C-alpha atoms as a PDB file:
ATOM      1  CA  MET A   1      23.879 119.556  20.175  1.00  0.00           C
ATOM      2  CA  ARG A   2      26.390 116.168  19.999  1.00  0.00           C
ATOM      3  CA  VAL A   3      24.227 113.241  19.807  1.00  0.00           C
ATOM      4  CA  ALA A   4      26.282 109.851  20.936  1.00  0.00           C
ATOM      5  CA  PHE A   5      25.109 106.069  19.055  1.00  0.00           C
ATOM      6  CA  LEU A   6      26.170 103.525  18.678  1.00  0.00           C
ATOM      7  CA  GLY A   7      28.871 102.915  16.107  1.00  0.00           C
ATOM      8  CA  PRO A   8      30.696 102.813  13.890  1.00  0.00           C
ATOM      9  CA  ALA A   9      29.439 104.806  10.738  1.00  0.00           C
ATOM     10  CA  GLY A  10      26.557 102.939   9.030  1.00  0.00           C
ATOM     11  CA  THR A  11      24.798 101.150  11.331  1.00  0.00           C
ATOM     12  CA  PHE A  12      20.607 101.203  12.174  1.00  0.00           C
ATOM     13  CA  ALA A  13      21.382 103.346  14.793  1.00  0.00           C
ATOM     14  CA  GLU A  14      22.690 106.402  12.793  1.00  0.00           C
ATOM     15  CA  GLU A  15      19.613 105.415  10.418  1.00  0.00           C
ATOM     16  CA  ALA A  16      16.709 106.434  12.663  1.00  0.00           C
ATOM     17  CA  LEU A  17      19.258 109.010  14.238  1.00  0.00           C
ATOM     18  CA  ARG A  18      18.562 111.059  10.134  1.00  0.00           C
ATOM     19  CA  ALA A  19      15.752 110.214  10.287  1.00  0.00           C
ATOM     20  CA  SER A  20      14.174 111.551  13.125  1.00  0.00           C
ATOM     21  CA  ALA A  21      15.754 113.763  14.445  1.00  0.00           C
ATOM     22  CA  PRO A  22      14.573 117.367  14.322  1.00  0.00           C
ATOM     23  CA  GLY A  23      14.295 119.547  11.328  1.00  0.00           C
ATOM     24  CA  ASP A  24      16.447 122.430  12.999  1.00  0.00           C
ATOM     25  CA  ALA A  25      18.793 121.355  15.463  1.00  0.00           C
ATOM     26  CA  GLU A  26      22.494 121.446  14.275  1.00  0.00           C
ATOM     27  CA  ILE A  27      23.528 117.687  15.082  1.00  0.00           C
ATOM     28  CA  GLU A  28      27.209 116.348  15.452  1.00  0.00           C
ATOM     29  CA  GLU A  29      26.403 112.922  15.242  1.00  0.00           C
ATOM     30  CA  VAL A  30      29.256 111.037  17.969  1.00  0.00           C
ATOM     31  CA  PRO A  31      29.616 106.947  17.165  1.00  0.00           C
ATOM     32  CA  TYR A  32      29.827 105.273  21.120  1.00  0.00           C
ATOM     33  CA  ALA A  33      31.347 101.436  20.899  1.00  0.00           C
ATOM     34  CA  SER A  34      28.620  99.754  22.457  1.00  0.00           C
ATOM     35  CA  VAL A  35      25.118 100.574  23.893  1.00  0.00           C
ATOM     36  CA  TYR A  36      26.819 100.223  27.801  1.00  0.00           C
ATOM     37  CA  GLU A  37      29.290 103.473  26.442  1.00  0.00           C
ATOM     38  CA  THR A  38      26.780 104.721  24.291  1.00  0.00           C
ATOM     39  CA  VAL A  39      24.177 105.286  26.850  1.00  0.00           C
ATOM     40  CA  MET A  40      26.750 106.105  29.200  1.00  0.00           C
ATOM     41  CA  ALA A  41      28.241 109.011  27.708  1.00  0.00           C
ATOM     42  CA  VAL A  42      24.585 110.793  28.340  1.00  0.00           C
ATOM     43  CA  GLN A  43      25.074 109.879  31.693  1.00  0.00           C
ATOM     44  CA  GLU A  44      28.164 111.834  32.294  1.00  0.00           C
ATOM     45  CA  GLY A  45      27.929 114.587  30.052  1.00  0.00           C
ATOM     46  CA  GLU A  46      29.862 113.885  27.046  1.00  0.00           C
ATOM     47  CA  VAL A  47      26.710 114.042  24.782  1.00  0.00           C
ATOM     48  CA  ASP A  48      23.830 116.034  25.736  1.00  0.00           C
ATOM     49  CA  ARG A  49      21.265 113.077  23.699  1.00  0.00           C
ATOM     50  CA  ALA A  50      22.012 109.454  22.542  1.00  0.00           C
ATOM     51  CA  VAL A  51      19.948 106.421  20.279  1.00  0.00           C
ATOM     52  CA  VAL A  52      20.189 103.094  21.186  1.00  0.00           C
ATOM     53  CA  PRO A  53      17.684 100.334  19.605  1.00  0.00           C
ATOM     54  CA  ILE A  54      15.363  99.392  22.885  1.00  0.00           C
ATOM     55  CA  GLU A  55      13.376  96.113  21.184  1.00  0.00           C
ATOM     56  CA  ASN A  56      13.173  94.451  17.729  1.00  0.00           C
ATOM     57  CA  SER A  57      10.023  92.895  16.379  1.00  0.00           C
ATOM     58  CA  LEU A  58      11.514  89.318  15.972  1.00  0.00           C
ATOM     59  CA  GLU A  59      13.975  89.448  19.243  1.00  0.00           C
ATOM     60  CA  GLY A  60      12.842  91.140  21.740  1.00  0.00           C
ATOM     61  CA  ALA A  61      14.135  93.974  24.491  1.00  0.00           C
ATOM     62  CA  VAL A  62      17.648  95.021  23.452  1.00  0.00           C
ATOM     63  CA  THR A  63      18.307  93.949  27.203  1.00  0.00           C
ATOM     64  CA  ALA A  64      21.463  95.726  26.944  1.00  0.00           C
ATOM     65  CA  THR A  65      20.218  98.949  26.520  1.00  0.00           C
ATOM     66  CA  LEU A  66      17.747  98.082  29.306  1.00  0.00           C
ATOM     67  CA  ASP A  67      20.538  96.744  31.708  1.00  0.00           C
ATOM     68  CA  ALA A  68      21.763 100.070  31.036  1.00  0.00           C
ATOM     69  CA  LEU A  69      19.043 102.330  31.885  1.00  0.00           C
ATOM     70  CA  ALA A  70      17.732 100.053  35.025  1.00  0.00           C
ATOM     71  CA  GLY A  71      20.978 100.198  36.930  1.00  0.00           C
ATOM     72  CA  GLU A  72      24.034 102.668  35.897  1.00  0.00           C
ATOM     73  CA  ALA A  73      22.480 105.170  33.810  1.00  0.00           C
ATOM     74  CA  ASP A  74      20.441 106.682  36.172  1.00  0.00           C
ATOM     75  CA  ARG A  75      20.830 110.468  35.378  1.00  0.00           C
ATOM     76  CA  VAL A  76      19.213 109.309  32.111  1.00  0.00           C
ATOM     77  CA  ARG A  77      16.026 109.529  30.450  1.00  0.00           C
ATOM     78  CA  ILE A  78      13.855 108.278  27.399  1.00  0.00           C
ATOM     79  CA  ALA A  79      12.906 111.234  25.231  1.00  0.00           C
ATOM     80  CA  ALA A  80      11.271 110.564  22.556  1.00  0.00           C
ATOM     81  CA  GLU A  81      10.839 107.423  20.030  1.00  0.00           C
ATOM     82  CA  VAL A  82      11.306 105.963  16.842  1.00  0.00           C
ATOM     83  CA  VAL A  83      10.139 102.497  14.756  1.00  0.00           C
ATOM     84  CA  ARG A  84      12.915 101.945  11.898  1.00  0.00           C
ATOM     85  CA  PRO A  85      12.356  98.919   9.133  1.00  0.00           C
ATOM     86  CA  ILE A  86      14.735  96.605   9.729  1.00  0.00           C
ATOM     87  CA  GLU A  87      16.155  95.478   6.228  1.00  0.00           C
ATOM     88  CA  HIS A  88      19.641  93.362   6.534  1.00  0.00           C
ATOM     89  CA  CYS A  89      22.213  92.433   3.619  1.00  0.00           C
ATOM     90  CA  LEU A  90      24.704  89.606   3.342  1.00  0.00           C
ATOM     91  CA  VAL A  91      27.539  91.828   2.517  1.00  0.00           C
ATOM     92  CA  ALA A  92      31.841  90.650   1.587  1.00  0.00           C
ATOM     93  CA  ARG A  93      34.795  92.719  -0.320  1.00  0.00           C
ATOM     94  CA  PRO A  94      35.039  92.514  -4.054  1.00  0.00           C
ATOM     95  CA  GLY A  95      35.096  89.027  -5.456  1.00  0.00           C
ATOM     96  CA  LEU A  96      34.235  87.037  -2.795  1.00  0.00           C
ATOM     97  CA  GLY A  97      30.576  85.013  -3.964  1.00  0.00           C
ATOM     98  CA  ILE A  98      28.144  84.156  -2.120  1.00  0.00           C
ATOM     99  CA  GLU A  99      29.337  80.564  -2.556  1.00  0.00           C
ATOM    100  CA  ALA A 100      32.904  81.043  -0.950  1.00  0.00           C
ATOM    101  CA  VAL A 101      31.629  82.715   2.247  1.00  0.00           C
ATOM    102  CA  ARG A 102      31.976  80.743   5.525  1.00  0.00           C
ATOM    103  CA  GLN A 103      31.898  82.306   7.867  1.00  0.00           C
ATOM    104  CA  VAL A 104      29.032  85.375   8.441  1.00  0.00           C
ATOM    105  CA  VAL A 105      30.013  87.670  10.807  1.00  0.00           C
ATOM    106  CA  SER A 106      27.522  90.123  13.157  1.00  0.00           C
ATOM    107  CA  HIS A 107      25.718  91.670  15.121  1.00  0.00           C
ATOM    108  CA  PRO A 108      23.456  88.383  17.609  1.00  0.00           C
ATOM    109  CA  GLN A 109      19.988  90.456  16.903  1.00  0.00           C
ATOM    110  CA  ALA A 110      21.003  90.860  13.670  1.00  0.00           C
ATOM    111  CA  ILE A 111      21.997  86.707  13.771  1.00  0.00           C
ATOM    112  CA  ALA A 112      19.130  85.509  14.908  1.00  0.00           C
ATOM    113  CA  GLN A 113      16.898  88.196  12.637  1.00  0.00           C
ATOM    114  CA  CYS A 114      18.974  86.368   9.542  1.00  0.00           C
ATOM    115  CA  ALA A 115      18.593  82.473  10.886  1.00  0.00           C
ATOM    116  CA  GLY A 116      16.010  81.013   8.153  1.00  0.00           C
ATOM    117  CA  PHE A 117      17.997  82.433   6.409  1.00  0.00           C
ATOM    118  CA  LEU A 118      21.566  81.352   6.897  1.00  0.00           C
ATOM    119  CA  ARG A 119      20.355  77.152   7.495  1.00  0.00           C
ATOM    120  CA  GLU A 120      18.556  77.913   3.863  1.00  0.00           C
ATOM    121  CA  ARG A 121      21.583  79.516   1.905  1.00  0.00           C
ATOM    122  CA  LEU A 122      25.082  79.267   4.075  1.00  0.00           C
ATOM    123  CA  PRO A 123      24.038  75.964   5.969  1.00  0.00           C
ATOM    124  CA  ASP A 124      27.949  75.895   6.286  1.00  0.00           C
ATOM    125  CA  ALA A 125      28.401  78.438   7.795  1.00  0.00           C
ATOM    126  CA  GLU A 126      29.695  79.753  11.006  1.00  0.00           C
ATOM    127  CA  THR A 127      29.008  82.932  13.196  1.00  0.00           C
ATOM    128  CA  ALA A 128      30.436  85.105  14.878  1.00  0.00           C
ATOM    129  CA  SER A 129      29.395  88.399  16.503  1.00  0.00           C
ATOM    130  CA  ALA A 130      30.264  92.061  15.970  1.00  0.00           C
ATOM    131  CA  PRO A 131      29.406  94.939  18.622  1.00  0.00           C
ATOM    132  CA  SER A 132      27.362  96.125  15.560  1.00  0.00           C
ATOM    133  CA  THR A 133      26.500  95.433  12.443  1.00  0.00           C
ATOM    134  CA  ALA A 134      28.405  98.271  10.728  1.00  0.00           C
ATOM    135  CA  ASP A 135      31.487  96.875  12.778  1.00  0.00           C
ATOM    136  CA  ALA A 136      30.731  93.368  11.150  1.00  0.00           C
ATOM    137  CA  VAL A 137      30.323  94.548   7.505  1.00  0.00           C
ATOM    138  CA  ARG A 138      33.252  97.109   8.596  1.00  0.00           C
ATOM    139  CA  THR A 139      35.457  93.788   9.658  1.00  0.00           C
ATOM    140  CA  ALA A 140      34.377  91.778   6.047  1.00  0.00           C
ATOM    141  CA  ALA A 141      35.411  94.344   3.889  1.00  0.00           C
ATOM    142  CA  ARG A 142      38.966  94.285   5.820  1.00  0.00           C
ATOM    143  CA  ALA A 143      39.421  90.699   5.006  1.00  0.00           C
ATOM    144  CA  THR A 144      41.296  87.915   3.730  1.00  0.00           C
ATOM    145  CA  GLU A 145      39.605  84.857   4.128  1.00  0.00           C
ATOM    146  CA  PRO A 146      36.389  83.997   3.208  1.00  0.00           C
ATOM    147  CA  LEU A 147      33.768  86.079   5.784  1.00  0.00           C
ATOM    148  CA  ALA A 148      30.171  87.949   4.848  1.00  0.00           C
ATOM    149  CA  ALA A 149      29.030  90.506   7.083  1.00  0.00           C
ATOM    150  CA  LEU A 150      24.904  91.008   8.035  1.00  0.00           C
ATOM    151  CA  GLY A 151      23.887  94.580   8.178  1.00  0.00           C
ATOM    152  CA  PRO A 152      22.629  97.515   6.033  1.00  0.00           C
ATOM    153  CA  ARG A 153      23.149  98.521   2.771  1.00  0.00           C
ATOM    154  CA  LEU A 154      24.409 101.786   3.765  1.00  0.00           C
ATOM    155  CA  ALA A 155      27.274 100.080   5.481  1.00  0.00           C
ATOM    156  CA  ALA A 156      28.221  98.379   2.648  1.00  0.00           C
ATOM    157  CA  GLU A 157      28.305 101.734   0.210  1.00  0.00           C
ATOM    158  CA  LEU A 158      30.202 102.831   3.725  1.00  0.00           C
ATOM    159  CA  TYR A 159      32.724 100.158   3.325  1.00  0.00           C
ATOM    160  CA  GLY A 160      32.811  99.720   0.060  1.00  0.00           C
ATOM    161  CA  CYS A 161      31.960  95.695   0.362  1.00  0.00           C
ATOM    162  CA  ASP A 162      29.848  94.358  -2.652  1.00  0.00           C
ATOM    163  CA  VAL A 163      25.927  92.632  -1.426  1.00  0.00           C
ATOM    164  CA  LEU A 164      25.293  89.305  -2.407  1.00  0.00           C
ATOM    165  CA  ALA A 165      22.012  89.596  -1.050  1.00  0.00           C
ATOM    166  CA  GLU A 166      19.182  91.516   0.336  1.00  0.00           C
ATOM    167  CA  ASP A 167      15.842  91.936   2.840  1.00  0.00           C
ATOM    168  CA  VAL A 168      17.977  88.439   4.142  1.00  0.00           C
ATOM    169  CA  GLN A 169      15.205  88.799   7.494  1.00  0.00           C
ATOM    170  CA  ASP A 170      13.245  86.082   8.671  1.00  0.00           C
ATOM    171  CA  VAL A 171      10.181  88.471   8.012  1.00  0.00           C
ATOM    172  CA  SER A 172       8.923  90.832   6.397  1.00  0.00           C
ATOM    173  CA  ASP A 173       7.664  93.254   8.493  1.00  0.00           C
ATOM    174  CA  ASN A 174      10.593  93.339  10.814  1.00  0.00           C
ATOM    175  CA  ALA A 175      11.828  96.762  12.790  1.00  0.00           C
ATOM    176  CA  THR A 176      13.307  98.441  15.650  1.00  0.00           C
ATOM    177  CA  ARG A 177      12.348 100.052  18.204  1.00  0.00           C
ATOM    178  CA  PHE A 178      14.614 103.075  19.493  1.00  0.00           C
ATOM    179  CA  VAL A 179      14.947 105.821  21.708  1.00  0.00           C
ATOM    180  CA  TRP A 180      16.269 109.463  21.948  1.00  0.00           C
ATOM    181  CA  LEU A 181      18.174 109.416  25.029  1.00  0.00           C
ATOM    182  CA  ALA A 182      18.344 112.405  27.538  1.00  0.00           C
ATOM    183  CA  PRO A 183      19.309 113.815  30.976  1.00  0.00           C
ATOM    184  CA  ALA A 184      16.774 113.300  33.912  1.00  0.00           C
ATOM    185  CA  GLY A 185      14.777 115.801  34.306  1.00  0.00           C
ATOM    186  CA  THR A 186      14.265 116.704  29.682  1.00  0.00           C
ATOM    187  CA  SER A 187       9.903 116.660  29.018  1.00  0.00           C
ATOM    188  CA  ARG A 188       9.551 113.633  26.877  1.00  0.00           C
ATOM    189  CA  GLY A 189       8.251 113.574  23.134  1.00  0.00           C
ATOM    190  CA  GLY A 190       5.129 111.159  23.954  1.00  0.00           C
ATOM    191  CA  ALA A 191       7.235 107.519  24.281  1.00  0.00           C
ATOM    192  CA  ASP A 192       5.076 104.640  24.858  1.00  0.00           C
ATOM    193  CA  GLU A 193       3.305 103.671  27.615  1.00  0.00           C
ATOM    194  CA  ASN A 194       5.449 100.116  26.168  1.00  0.00           C
ATOM    195  CA  VAL A 195       8.459 101.442  26.968  1.00  0.00           C
ATOM    196  CA  ASP A 196       7.849 102.056  30.504  1.00  0.00           C
ATOM    197  CA  ARG A 197       6.223  99.085  31.336  1.00  0.00           C
ATOM    198  CA  LEU A 198       9.623  97.460  29.904  1.00  0.00           C
ATOM    199  CA  LEU A 199      12.219  99.504  31.900  1.00  0.00           C
ATOM    200  CA  GLY A 200      10.064  98.701  35.616  1.00  0.00           C
ATOM    201  CA  LEU A 201      10.033  95.147  34.624  1.00  0.00           C
ATOM    202  CA  GLN A 202      13.358  95.642  33.882  1.00  0.00           C
ATOM    203  CA  ARG A 203      13.489  97.815  37.029  1.00  0.00           C
ATOM    204  CA  ARG A 204      12.247  94.808  39.328  1.00  0.00           C
ATOM    205  CA  VAL A 205      13.382  91.757  37.987  1.00  0.00           C
ATOM    206  CA  ALA A 206      16.677  93.859  38.451  1.00  0.00           C
ATOM    207  CA  GLY A 207      15.429  94.768  42.073  1.00  0.00           C
ATOM    208  CA  ARG A 208      14.363  90.599  42.898  1.00  0.00           C
ATOM    209  CA  ALA A 209      17.946  89.182  41.513  1.00  0.00           C
ATOM    210  CA  GLY A 210      19.617  92.200  44.380  1.00  0.00           C
ATOM    211  CA  ALA A 211      18.139  90.681  46.916  1.00  0.00           C
ATOM    212  CA  ARG A 212      18.019  87.182  46.221  1.00  0.00           C
ATOM    213  CA  ALA A 213      22.123  88.366  46.527  1.00  0.00           C
ATOM    214  CA  GLU A 214      21.127  89.933  49.295  1.00  0.00           C
ATOM    215  CA  ARG A 215      19.401  86.810  51.251  1.00  0.00           C
ATOM    216  CA  ALA A 216      22.659  84.673  49.648  1.00  0.00           C
ATOM    217  CA  ARG A 217      25.159  86.495  51.779  1.00  0.00           C
ATOM    218  CA  GLY A 218      26.458  84.436  55.439  1.00  0.00           C
ATOM    219  CA  PRO A 219      26.798  86.440  58.003  1.00  0.00           C
ATOM    220  CA  GLY A 220      30.068  88.067  57.697  1.00  0.00           C
ATOM    221  CA  GLY A 221      28.005  89.319  54.361  1.00  0.00           C
ATOM    222  CA  GLU A 222      30.294  86.939  51.996  1.00  0.00           C
ATOM    223  CA  PRO A 223      28.691  85.054  49.529  1.00  0.00           C
ATOM    224  CA  ASP A 224      27.218  81.906  51.523  1.00  0.00           C
ATOM    225  CA  GLU A 225      27.939  78.675  48.251  1.00  0.00           C
ATOM    226  CA  ASP A 226      24.322  76.449  50.045  1.00  0.00           C
ATOM    227  CA  ARG A 227      23.043  79.655  50.988  1.00  0.00           C
ATOM    228  CA  ILE A 228      23.401  80.504  46.252  1.00  0.00           C
ATOM    229  CA  ALA A 229      22.654  77.212  45.570  1.00  0.00           C
ATOM    230  CA  SER A 230      19.161  77.664  47.868  1.00  0.00           C
ATOM    231  CA  THR A 231      17.863  81.049  46.845  1.00  0.00           C
ATOM    232  CA  ALA A 232      19.184  80.455  42.545  1.00  0.00           C
ATOM    233  CA  GLY A 233      16.076  79.571  40.742  1.00  0.00           C
ATOM    234  CA  PRO A 234      16.530  78.780  36.841  1.00  0.00           C
ATOM    235  CA  PRO A 235      17.623  81.666  35.099  1.00  0.00           C
ATOM    236  CA  ARG A 236      14.361  83.796  33.016  1.00  0.00           C
ATOM    237  CA  ALA A 237      15.941  85.668  30.635  1.00  0.00           C
ATOM    238  CA  LEU A 238      12.351  87.576  29.723  1.00  0.00           C
ATOM    239  CA  HIS A 239      11.592  89.232  26.044  1.00  0.00           C
ATOM    240  CA  VAL A 240       8.884  90.626  24.840  1.00  0.00           C
ATOM    241  CA  LEU A 241       6.032  88.323  22.848  1.00  0.00           C
ATOM    242  CA  ARG A 242       2.945  88.516  20.867  1.00  0.00           C
ATOM    243  CA  ARG A 243       0.472  86.481  19.087  1.00  0.00           C
ATOM    244  CA  PRO A 244       1.407  85.555  15.420  1.00  0.00           C
ATOM    245  CA  GLY A 245       0.783  88.256  12.775  1.00  0.00           C
ATOM    246  CA  ARG A 246       0.473  89.437   8.794  1.00  0.00           C
ATOM    247  CA  GLY A 247       3.641  88.944   7.712  1.00  0.00           C
ATOM    248  CA  ASP A 248       5.345  86.487   9.522  1.00  0.00           C
ATOM    249  CA  ARG A 249       6.799  83.765   7.132  1.00  0.00           C
ATOM    250  CA  ARG A 250       7.423  81.349   9.579  1.00  0.00           C
ATOM    251  CA  SER A 251       3.917  81.018  11.548  1.00  0.00           C
ATOM    252  CA  GLY A 252       1.670  82.050   8.900  1.00  0.00           C
ATOM    253  CA  GLY A 253      -0.697  84.154  11.496  1.00  0.00           C
ATOM    254  CA  THR A 254      -2.784  86.901  10.204  1.00  0.00           C
ATOM    255  CA  GLY A 255      -3.563  88.749  13.380  1.00  0.00           C
ATOM    256  CA  GLY A 256      -2.961  92.032  15.140  1.00  0.00           C
ATOM    257  CA  PRO A 257      -0.371  90.804  17.946  1.00  0.00           C
ATOM    258  CA  ARG A 258      -1.132  91.626  21.409  1.00  0.00           C
ATOM    259  CA  CYS A 259       2.340  92.292  23.305  1.00  0.00           C
ATOM    260  CA  ALA A 260       3.231  90.814  26.672  1.00  0.00           C
ATOM    261  CA  LEU A 261       6.741  90.275  28.489  1.00  0.00           C
ATOM    262  CA  ARG A 262       7.634  87.209  29.462  1.00  0.00           C
ATOM    263  CA  ALA A 263      10.264  84.405  29.843  1.00  0.00           C
ATOM    264  CA  ARG A 264      10.611  83.160  26.923  1.00  0.00           C
ATOM    265  CA  SER A 265       9.365  79.491  27.536  1.00  0.00           C
ATOM    266  CA  ASP A 266       6.291  81.092  28.525  1.00  0.00           C
ATOM    267  CA  ALA A 267       5.594  81.308  24.967  1.00  0.00           C
ATOM    268  CA  GLU A 268       5.176  77.095  23.759  1.00  0.00           C
ATOM    269  CA  GLY A 269       2.022  77.511  25.564  1.00  0.00           C
ATOM    270  CA  ALA A 270       1.397  80.578  25.129  1.00  0.00           C
ATOM    271  CA  GLY A 271       0.842  80.551  21.401  1.00  0.00           C
ATOM    272  CA  LEU A 272       2.848  82.968  21.255  1.00  0.00           C
ATOM    273  CA  VAL A 273       5.576  84.852  19.286  1.00  0.00           C
ATOM    274  CA  PRO A 274       9.338  87.210  19.711  1.00  0.00           C
ATOM    275  CA  GLY A 275       7.656  90.286  18.968  1.00  0.00           C
ATOM    276  CA  THR A 276       6.910  94.452  19.552  1.00  0.00           C
ATOM    277  CA  ALA A 277       4.022  96.294  19.515  1.00  0.00           C
ATOM    278  CA  ARG A 278       2.649  98.484  16.686  1.00  0.00           C
ATOM    279  CA  GLY A 279       1.284 100.789  15.218  1.00  0.00           C
ATOM    280  CA  ILE A 280       3.377 103.075  16.524  1.00  0.00           C
ATOM    281  CA  ALA A 281       3.283 106.507  14.893  1.00  0.00           C
ATOM    282  CA  SER A 282       5.687 109.516  14.298  1.00  0.00           C
ATOM    283  CA  LEU A 283       6.167 112.175  16.941  1.00  0.00           C
ATOM    284  CA  ASP A 284       6.864 115.872  17.841  1.00  0.00           C
ATOM    285  CA  TRP A 285       9.933 115.205  19.718  1.00  0.00           C
ATOM    286  CA  PRO A 286      10.599 117.903  22.288  1.00  0.00           C
ATOM    287  CA  ILE A 287      14.248 117.140  22.209  1.00  0.00           C
END
């Protein structure tokens, strides 16, 4: 079975793939450069399955995954899921010390998940985005400038980097939900209803955006600037939000979280922080 994942080798997605693949299956791992390409590989029949992240306990929904599933990937379905702990390391080429680092590169979600560490330990370092954490580590390994990366220890070992600091994520119970994708018609392995809610809401948002764009067109079908201005409201990115829970050092909360999918700005009055559903058990996956 050919299984796509967000590459290159050493990503958290690859770790999730290996941790959740059925033991009796012969797996050929196929790395792709972006989440979109990974999802579309199933859509186009290039692979049999794919493993992609769909939400994180700190940063909420992975919009690249949701956008692809709610948009062009209409022949792709979620077959199963797995929740994996995410432990970031700050890594660099051998010989570069943490005090010399002037730039930190990683996937945007990883940078956001380690924002507190970066403020405290590397306040003067710039940040830069990479397609994946493993790609960032590979970049750091080849860099000649004082550059470090945030990524998994597996990637550091694969690309010959030193670990300058480990477990640098801001919250100790940081976790990401990954989903196995399969062609439409494949039986599901008990994928959590929260994923259905995420995708359903994303499709409704996409539908409303399409309807708004249609209303903004002029009589001849061309975009009408005045109508666009009158129909476009302020942008509202949607995130999974939860009540502060145990292990969240930023909030000090102790209660069990309950989830909602709202605009991040709605969190201020509701006492919510970015998060995900918890307590998800391992699944028996017919993938």
